[in-house]
Amino acid sequence: MALSISRTHGLIKDTLDFRADRQDMIASNIANADTPFYRPRDIRFEEALANKADELLKKETSSLSLAQTDSAHIPLQSEKSNHRATTFFRDGHMARNDGNSVDLDVETTEMSKNSVMFNALIQANKKSSAIYKSVIEASQKTQ
């Protein structure tokens, strides 16, 4: 059985996983900068994390419910149950003559931003763990 430090500990883990996946995706874009007709890809995971955070923290959202008037109707699938990141093509950049639309300036900037966020999450997780460790050590000294 794994020790759960807090309800949001799993959210930090998922965020780190998404950030690592995004780093791999950006690296793939850079690696394919010379591939004809390649379109850069990215990962959108902020909405999935927000839904999971609402679920973990038991936040209620005000939304209308859909009435199911017949048992034969297909029930509405909750979008909040989907905690997966979505992959999309990052368009909006001019394609070169070979059809490739990878912009190395954009890719390296996105990679740097992603690295900063990943490292900030690691540091926050370490500090959070250090707080719990110090409490445990302090309680052991008093016994």
N, C-alpha and C. Protein backbone atom coordinates (compact mmCIF):
# COMPACT_ATOMS: atom_id res chain seq x y z
N MET A 1 0.85 -1.17 0.00
CA MET A 1 0.00 0.00 0.00
C MET A 1 0.89 1.23 0.00
N ALA A 2 0.63 2.14 -0.91
CA ALA A 2 1.43 3.36 -1.02
C ALA A 2 0.91 4.41 -0.05
N LEU A 3 1.83 5.16 0.51
CA LEU A 3 1.49 6.23 1.42
C LEU A 3 1.06 7.45 0.61
N SER A 4 -0.14 7.93 0.92
CA SER A 4 -0.64 9.12 0.24
C SER A 4 -0.43 10.31 1.16
N ILE A 5 0.43 11.22 0.75
CA ILE A 5 0.75 12.39 1.57
C ILE A 5 -0.44 13.33 1.64
N SER A 6 -1.05 13.59 0.50
CA SER A 6 -2.22 14.46 0.46
C SER A 6 -3.09 14.07 -0.72
N ARG A 7 -4.27 14.67 -0.78
CA ARG A 7 -5.17 14.36 -1.89
C ARG A 7 -4.59 14.84 -3.22
N THR A 8 -3.78 15.86 -3.18
CA THR A 8 -3.24 16.42 -4.42
C THR A 8 -1.92 15.79 -4.84
N HIS A 9 -1.39 14.88 -4.04
CA HIS A 9 -0.12 14.24 -4.38
C HIS A 9 -0.21 13.50 -5.72
N GLY A 10 -1.32 12.82 -5.96
CA GLY A 10 -1.52 12.13 -7.23
C GLY A 10 -1.63 13.09 -8.39
N LEU A 11 -2.17 14.28 -8.12
CA LEU A 11 -2.29 15.29 -9.15
C LEU A 11 -0.91 15.79 -9.58
N ILE A 12 0.00 15.94 -8.63
CA ILE A 12 1.37 16.35 -8.95
C ILE A 12 2.04 15.28 -9.82
N LYS A 13 1.82 14.02 -9.46
CA LYS A 13 2.40 12.93 -10.25
C LYS A 13 1.87 12.95 -11.69
N ASP A 14 0.56 13.12 -11.83
CA ASP A 14 -0.02 13.17 -13.18
C ASP A 14 0.50 14.37 -13.96
N THR A 15 0.64 15.50 -13.29
CA THR A 15 1.16 16.70 -13.95
C THR A 15 2.58 16.47 -14.43
N LEU A 16 3.40 15.83 -13.61
CA LEU A 16 4.77 15.53 -14.02
C LEU A 16 4.77 14.58 -15.23
N ASP A 17 3.87 13.61 -15.23
CA ASP A 17 3.78 12.69 -16.37
C ASP A 17 3.39 13.44 -17.64
N PHE A 18 2.40 14.33 -17.52
CA PHE A 18 1.98 15.11 -18.69
C PHE A 18 3.10 16.02 -19.18
N ARG A 19 3.82 16.64 -18.25
CA ARG A 19 4.94 17.52 -18.64
C ARG A 19 6.03 16.71 -19.34
N ALA A 20 6.31 15.50 -18.86
CA ALA A 20 7.32 14.65 -19.50
C ALA A 20 6.86 14.25 -20.91
N ASP A 21 5.57 13.93 -21.05
CA ASP A 21 5.04 13.60 -22.38
C ASP A 21 5.14 14.80 -23.31
N ARG A 22 4.86 15.98 -22.79
CA ARG A 22 4.93 17.19 -23.62
C ARG A 22 6.37 17.44 -24.05
N GLN A 23 7.32 17.21 -23.15
CA GLN A 23 8.74 17.39 -23.49
C GLN A 23 9.13 16.46 -24.64
N ASP A 24 8.66 15.21 -24.56
CA ASP A 24 8.94 14.25 -25.63
C ASP A 24 8.31 14.68 -26.95
N MET A 25 7.10 15.22 -26.87
CA MET A 25 6.40 15.67 -28.08
C MET A 25 7.14 16.83 -28.73
N ILE A 26 7.60 17.79 -27.93
CA ILE A 26 8.33 18.94 -28.46
C ILE A 26 9.66 18.48 -29.05
N ALA A 27 10.33 17.56 -28.37
CA ALA A 27 11.60 17.02 -28.90
C ALA A 27 11.37 16.33 -30.24
N SER A 28 10.25 15.65 -30.38
CA SER A 28 9.90 15.00 -31.65
C SER A 28 9.68 16.05 -32.74
N ASN A 29 9.04 17.16 -32.37
CA ASN A 29 8.84 18.24 -33.35
C ASN A 29 10.18 18.78 -33.83
N ILE A 30 11.10 19.00 -32.91
CA ILE A 30 12.42 19.52 -33.27
C ILE A 30 13.17 18.51 -34.14
N ALA A 31 13.06 17.23 -33.79
CA ALA A 31 13.74 16.19 -34.56
C ALA A 31 13.20 16.10 -35.99
N ASN A 32 11.94 16.47 -36.18
CA ASN A 32 11.32 16.40 -37.50
C ASN A 32 11.28 17.75 -38.21
N ALA A 33 12.15 18.65 -37.81
CA ALA A 33 12.17 19.99 -38.41
C ALA A 33 12.48 19.97 -39.90
N ASP A 34 13.14 18.93 -40.37
CA ASP A 34 13.49 18.84 -41.79
C ASP A 34 12.67 17.78 -42.54
N THR A 35 11.65 17.23 -41.89
CA THR A 35 10.81 16.22 -42.52
C THR A 35 9.74 16.91 -43.36
N PRO A 36 9.67 16.60 -44.65
CA PRO A 36 8.66 17.25 -45.50
C PRO A 36 7.23 16.97 -45.02
N PHE A 37 6.39 17.99 -45.08
CA PHE A 37 4.97 17.94 -44.72
C PHE A 37 4.71 17.58 -43.26
N TYR A 38 5.70 17.73 -42.39
CA TYR A 38 5.50 17.45 -40.97
C TYR A 38 4.80 18.64 -40.32
N ARG A 39 3.80 18.35 -39.51
CA ARG A 39 3.10 19.39 -38.75
C ARG A 39 3.41 19.20 -37.28
N PRO A 40 3.84 20.25 -36.58
CA PRO A 40 4.18 20.11 -35.16
C PRO A 40 2.96 19.74 -34.31
N ARG A 41 3.20 18.89 -33.33
CA ARG A 41 2.15 18.43 -32.42
C ARG A 41 2.41 18.98 -31.03
N ASP A 42 1.35 19.02 -30.25
CA ASP A 42 1.48 19.47 -28.86
C ASP A 42 0.44 18.72 -28.03
N ILE A 43 0.53 18.86 -26.73
CA ILE A 43 -0.39 18.19 -25.81
C ILE A 43 -1.09 19.25 -24.98
N ARG A 44 -2.40 19.13 -24.90
CA ARG A 44 -3.21 20.02 -24.06
C ARG A 44 -3.71 19.18 -22.88
N PHE A 45 -3.21 19.47 -21.70
CA PHE A 45 -3.59 18.66 -20.55
C PHE A 45 -4.14 19.49 -19.39
N GLU A 46 -4.18 20.80 -19.51
CA GLU A 46 -4.62 21.65 -18.41
C GLU A 46 -6.07 21.37 -18.03
N GLU A 47 -6.93 21.15 -19.02
CA GLU A 47 -8.34 20.89 -18.72
C GLU A 47 -8.51 19.54 -18.02
N ALA A 48 -7.75 18.53 -18.46
CA ALA A 48 -7.82 17.22 -17.81
C ALA A 48 -7.37 17.32 -16.35
N LEU A 49 -6.32 18.10 -16.10
CA LEU A 49 -5.85 18.27 -14.72
C LEU A 49 -6.85 19.05 -13.88
N ALA A 50 -7.48 20.07 -14.47
CA ALA A 50 -8.48 20.84 -13.73
C ALA A 50 -9.67 19.96 -13.35
N ASN A 51 -10.10 19.09 -14.26
CA ASN A 51 -11.19 18.17 -13.96
C ASN A 51 -10.81 17.20 -12.85
N LYS A 52 -9.58 16.70 -12.91
CA LYS A 52 -9.13 15.77 -11.86
C LYS A 52 -8.99 16.49 -10.52
N ALA A 53 -8.51 17.72 -10.54
CA ALA A 53 -8.40 18.50 -9.30
C ALA A 53 -9.77 18.73 -8.69
N ASP A 54 -10.76 19.07 -9.52
CA ASP A 54 -12.12 19.25 -9.02
C ASP A 54 -12.64 17.96 -8.39
N GLU A 55 -12.34 16.84 -9.03
CA GLU A 55 -12.78 15.55 -8.51
C GLU A 55 -12.08 15.23 -7.18
N LEU A 56 -10.77 15.45 -7.11
CA LEU A 56 -10.02 15.16 -5.88
C LEU A 56 -10.44 16.05 -4.73
N LEU A 57 -10.68 17.30 -5.01
CA LEU A 57 -11.03 18.26 -3.97
C LEU A 57 -12.53 18.35 -3.75
N LYS A 58 -13.27 17.50 -4.44
CA LYS A 58 -14.72 17.39 -4.32
C LYS A 58 -15.42 18.72 -4.57
N LYS A 59 -14.95 19.45 -5.57
CA LYS A 59 -15.59 20.71 -5.93
C LYS A 59 -16.82 20.42 -6.77
N GLU A 60 -17.88 21.09 -6.43
CA GLU A 60 -19.11 20.96 -7.19
C GLU A 60 -19.14 22.04 -8.26
N THR A 61 -19.51 21.66 -9.44
CA THR A 61 -19.64 22.63 -10.52
C THR A 61 -21.11 22.82 -10.81
N SER A 62 -21.47 24.02 -11.13
CA SER A 62 -22.87 24.29 -11.45
C SER A 62 -23.07 24.05 -12.94
N SER A 63 -23.76 22.98 -13.26
CA SER A 63 -24.06 22.68 -14.65
C SER A 63 -25.44 22.05 -14.71
N LEU A 64 -26.04 22.18 -15.83
CA LEU A 64 -27.35 21.59 -16.03
C LEU A 64 -27.21 20.11 -16.31
N SER A 65 -28.12 19.33 -15.77
CA SER A 65 -28.08 17.91 -16.05
C SER A 65 -28.98 17.61 -17.24
N LEU A 66 -28.67 16.58 -17.95
CA LEU A 66 -29.42 16.19 -19.13
C LEU A 66 -30.44 15.14 -18.72
N ALA A 67 -31.69 15.39 -19.06
CA ALA A 67 -32.75 14.44 -18.74
C ALA A 67 -32.73 13.30 -19.75
N GLN A 68 -32.80 12.08 -19.24
CA GLN A 68 -32.88 10.91 -20.10
C GLN A 68 -34.33 10.43 -20.04
N THR A 69 -35.08 10.71 -21.10
CA THR A 69 -36.51 10.45 -21.09
C THR A 69 -36.89 9.03 -21.46
N ASP A 70 -35.94 8.27 -21.96
CA ASP A 70 -36.22 6.89 -22.34
C ASP A 70 -35.00 6.05 -21.99
N SER A 71 -35.25 4.86 -21.48
CA SER A 71 -34.13 4.00 -21.09
C SER A 71 -33.32 3.52 -22.29
N ALA A 72 -33.89 3.62 -23.49
CA ALA A 72 -33.17 3.21 -24.70
C ALA A 72 -32.21 4.28 -25.19
N HIS A 73 -32.32 5.49 -24.66
CA HIS A 73 -31.41 6.56 -25.05
C HIS A 73 -30.00 6.28 -24.53
N ILE A 74 -29.03 6.70 -25.29
CA ILE A 74 -27.63 6.54 -24.88
C ILE A 74 -27.36 7.58 -23.79
N PRO A 75 -26.87 7.15 -22.63
CA PRO A 75 -26.61 8.12 -21.56
C PRO A 75 -25.44 9.04 -21.91
N LEU A 76 -25.52 10.25 -21.40
CA LEU A 76 -24.46 11.23 -21.61
C LEU A 76 -23.21 10.80 -20.86
N GLN A 77 -22.09 10.78 -21.55
CA GLN A 77 -20.82 10.45 -20.91
C GLN A 77 -20.24 11.70 -20.29
N SER A 78 -19.84 11.62 -19.07
CA SER A 78 -19.27 12.77 -18.39
C SER A 78 -17.91 13.10 -18.96
N GLU A 79 -17.71 14.36 -19.33
CA GLU A 79 -16.41 14.78 -19.82
C GLU A 79 -15.39 14.81 -18.70
N LYS A 80 -15.87 14.94 -17.46
CA LYS A 80 -14.95 14.99 -16.32
C LYS A 80 -14.30 13.65 -16.05
N SER A 81 -14.89 12.56 -16.56
CA SER A 81 -14.29 11.26 -16.32
C SER A 81 -13.07 11.03 -17.20
N ASN A 82 -12.84 11.92 -18.14
CA ASN A 82 -11.72 11.78 -19.06
C ASN A 82 -10.52 12.57 -18.52
N HIS A 83 -9.54 11.86 -17.98
CA HIS A 83 -8.36 12.51 -17.42
C HIS A 83 -7.16 12.34 -18.34
N ARG A 84 -7.43 12.28 -19.63
CA ARG A 84 -6.34 12.11 -20.58
C ARG A 84 -6.04 13.43 -21.27
N ALA A 85 -4.82 13.60 -21.59
CA ALA A 85 -4.42 14.79 -22.34
C ALA A 85 -4.83 14.60 -23.79
N THR A 86 -5.08 15.70 -24.46
CA THR A 86 -5.44 15.63 -25.88
C THR A 86 -4.27 16.12 -26.71
N THR A 87 -4.02 15.42 -27.80
CA THR A 87 -2.96 15.80 -28.72
C THR A 87 -3.57 16.59 -29.86
N PHE A 88 -2.89 17.65 -30.26
CA PHE A 88 -3.39 18.47 -31.35
C PHE A 88 -2.23 18.95 -32.19
N PHE A 89 -2.54 19.39 -33.41
CA PHE A 89 -1.53 19.96 -34.29
C PHE A 89 -1.41 21.44 -33.98
N ARG A 90 -0.19 21.91 -33.78
CA ARG A 90 0.05 23.32 -33.51
C ARG A 90 0.22 24.03 -34.85
N ASP A 91 -0.87 24.60 -35.33
CA ASP A 91 -0.84 25.30 -36.62
C ASP A 91 -0.69 26.79 -36.40
N GLY A 92 -0.68 27.52 -37.49
CA GLY A 92 -0.58 28.97 -37.41
C GLY A 92 0.77 29.49 -37.85
N HIS A 93 1.69 28.60 -38.15
CA HIS A 93 3.01 29.02 -38.62
C HIS A 93 3.08 28.77 -40.12
N MET A 94 3.80 29.61 -40.77
CA MET A 94 3.95 29.48 -42.22
C MET A 94 4.70 28.19 -42.54
N ALA A 95 4.13 27.44 -43.46
CA ALA A 95 4.81 26.24 -43.91
C ALA A 95 5.87 26.63 -44.93
N ARG A 96 6.98 25.92 -44.87
CA ARG A 96 8.04 26.17 -45.84
C ARG A 96 7.66 25.55 -47.17
N ASN A 97 8.52 25.68 -48.15
CA ASN A 97 8.25 25.11 -49.49
C ASN A 97 8.03 23.61 -49.45
N ASP A 98 8.65 22.92 -48.47
CA ASP A 98 8.47 21.47 -48.38
C ASP A 98 7.24 21.07 -47.57
N GLY A 99 6.43 22.05 -47.12
CA GLY A 99 5.21 21.76 -46.38
C GLY A 99 5.40 21.60 -44.89
N ASN A 100 6.63 21.66 -44.41
CA ASN A 100 6.91 21.53 -42.99
C ASN A 100 6.60 22.86 -42.30
N SER A 101 5.90 22.82 -41.15
CA SER A 101 5.55 24.05 -40.45
C SER A 101 6.17 24.14 -39.06
N VAL A 102 7.25 23.40 -38.81
CA VAL A 102 7.94 23.47 -37.53
C VAL A 102 8.73 24.77 -37.46
N ASP A 103 8.50 25.56 -36.42
CA ASP A 103 9.25 26.79 -36.17
C ASP A 103 10.17 26.51 -34.98
N LEU A 104 11.47 26.44 -35.22
CA LEU A 104 12.41 26.08 -34.16
C LEU A 104 12.39 27.07 -33.01
N ASP A 105 12.14 28.36 -33.29
CA ASP A 105 12.06 29.35 -32.21
C ASP A 105 10.89 29.03 -31.28
N VAL A 106 9.75 28.70 -31.85
CA VAL A 106 8.58 28.35 -31.05
C VAL A 106 8.84 27.07 -30.26
N GLU A 107 9.40 26.08 -30.90
CA GLU A 107 9.62 24.79 -30.25
C GLU A 107 10.61 24.90 -29.09
N THR A 108 11.70 25.63 -29.30
CA THR A 108 12.69 25.76 -28.21
C THR A 108 12.12 26.61 -27.07
N THR A 109 11.30 27.61 -27.39
CA THR A 109 10.66 28.40 -26.34
C THR A 109 9.68 27.55 -25.54
N GLU A 110 8.86 26.76 -26.22
CA GLU A 110 7.91 25.87 -25.53
C GLU A 110 8.64 24.83 -24.70
N MET A 111 9.76 24.32 -25.21
CA MET A 111 10.54 23.34 -24.45
C MET A 111 11.11 23.97 -23.19
N SER A 112 11.59 25.19 -23.29
CA SER A 112 12.14 25.88 -22.12
C SER A 112 11.06 26.14 -21.08
N LYS A 113 9.89 26.60 -21.53
CA LYS A 113 8.79 26.85 -20.60
C LYS A 113 8.35 25.56 -19.91
N ASN A 114 8.28 24.49 -20.68
CA ASN A 114 7.89 23.20 -20.12
C ASN A 114 8.92 22.70 -19.11
N SER A 115 10.20 22.89 -19.40
CA SER A 115 11.26 22.47 -18.47
C SER A 115 11.19 23.24 -17.16
N VAL A 116 10.94 24.54 -17.25
CA VAL A 116 10.82 25.37 -16.04
C VAL A 116 9.66 24.88 -15.19
N MET A 117 8.51 24.61 -15.82
CA MET A 117 7.35 24.13 -15.08
C MET A 117 7.61 22.75 -14.47
N PHE A 118 8.27 21.88 -15.20
CA PHE A 118 8.59 20.55 -14.68
C PHE A 118 9.49 20.66 -13.45
N ASN A 119 10.56 21.48 -13.56
CA ASN A 119 11.47 21.65 -12.43
C ASN A 119 10.80 22.31 -11.24
N ALA A 120 9.89 23.26 -11.49
CA ALA A 120 9.16 23.90 -10.40
C ALA A 120 8.28 22.88 -9.68
N LEU A 121 7.65 21.98 -10.42
CA LEU A 121 6.84 20.94 -9.79
C LEU A 121 7.69 19.99 -8.96
N ILE A 122 8.86 19.64 -9.47
CA ILE A 122 9.77 18.77 -8.70
C ILE A 122 10.17 19.44 -7.39
N GLN A 123 10.53 20.72 -7.46
CA GLN A 123 10.94 21.45 -6.25
C GLN A 123 9.79 21.58 -5.26
N ALA A 124 8.59 21.87 -5.76
CA ALA A 124 7.42 21.98 -4.88
C ALA A 124 7.12 20.63 -4.21
N ASN A 125 7.26 19.56 -4.96
CA ASN A 125 7.03 18.23 -4.40
C ASN A 125 8.07 17.89 -3.34
N LYS A 126 9.33 18.26 -3.60
CA LYS A 126 10.39 18.02 -2.61
C LYS A 126 10.13 18.79 -1.33
N LYS A 127 9.72 20.07 -1.46
CA LYS A 127 9.45 20.88 -0.27
C LYS A 127 8.27 20.32 0.51
N SER A 128 7.23 19.90 -0.20
CA SER A 128 6.07 19.31 0.45
C SER A 128 6.45 18.04 1.21
N SER A 129 7.25 17.21 0.58
CA SER A 129 7.70 15.97 1.23
C SER A 129 8.60 16.27 2.41
N ALA A 130 9.43 17.32 2.30
CA ALA A 130 10.32 17.68 3.40
C ALA A 130 9.53 18.15 4.62
N ILE A 131 8.43 18.82 4.40
CA ILE A 131 7.59 19.26 5.53
C ILE A 131 7.06 18.06 6.28
N TYR A 132 6.52 17.08 5.56
CA TYR A 132 5.99 15.88 6.21
C TYR A 132 7.10 15.09 6.89
N LYS A 133 8.26 15.04 6.27
CA LYS A 133 9.39 14.32 6.86
C LYS A 133 9.82 14.98 8.17
N SER A 134 9.86 16.31 8.19
CA SER A 134 10.27 17.00 9.42
C SER A 134 9.24 16.80 10.54
N VAL A 135 7.97 16.75 10.20
CA VAL A 135 6.93 16.49 11.21
C VAL A 135 7.09 15.10 11.78
N ILE A 136 7.34 14.12 10.92
CA ILE A 136 7.51 12.75 11.38
C ILE A 136 8.75 12.63 12.26
N GLU A 137 9.86 13.25 11.84
CA GLU A 137 11.08 13.21 12.65
C GLU A 137 10.90 13.91 13.98
N ALA A 138 10.18 15.01 14.00
CA ALA A 138 9.95 15.73 15.25
C ALA A 138 9.08 14.92 16.19
N SER A 139 8.10 14.20 15.66
CA SER A 139 7.23 13.39 16.52
C SER A 139 7.99 12.19 17.07
N GLN A 140 8.98 11.69 16.34
CA GLN A 140 9.76 10.57 16.83
C GLN A 140 10.68 10.99 17.96
N LYS A 141 11.17 12.24 17.95
CA LYS A 141 12.08 12.74 18.98
C LYS A 141 11.36 12.93 20.30
N THR A 142 10.07 13.22 20.28
CA THR A 142 9.33 13.47 21.52
C THR A 142 8.93 12.18 22.21
N GLN A 143 9.08 11.06 21.56
CA GLN A 143 8.67 9.79 22.19
C GLN A 143 9.78 9.18 22.98
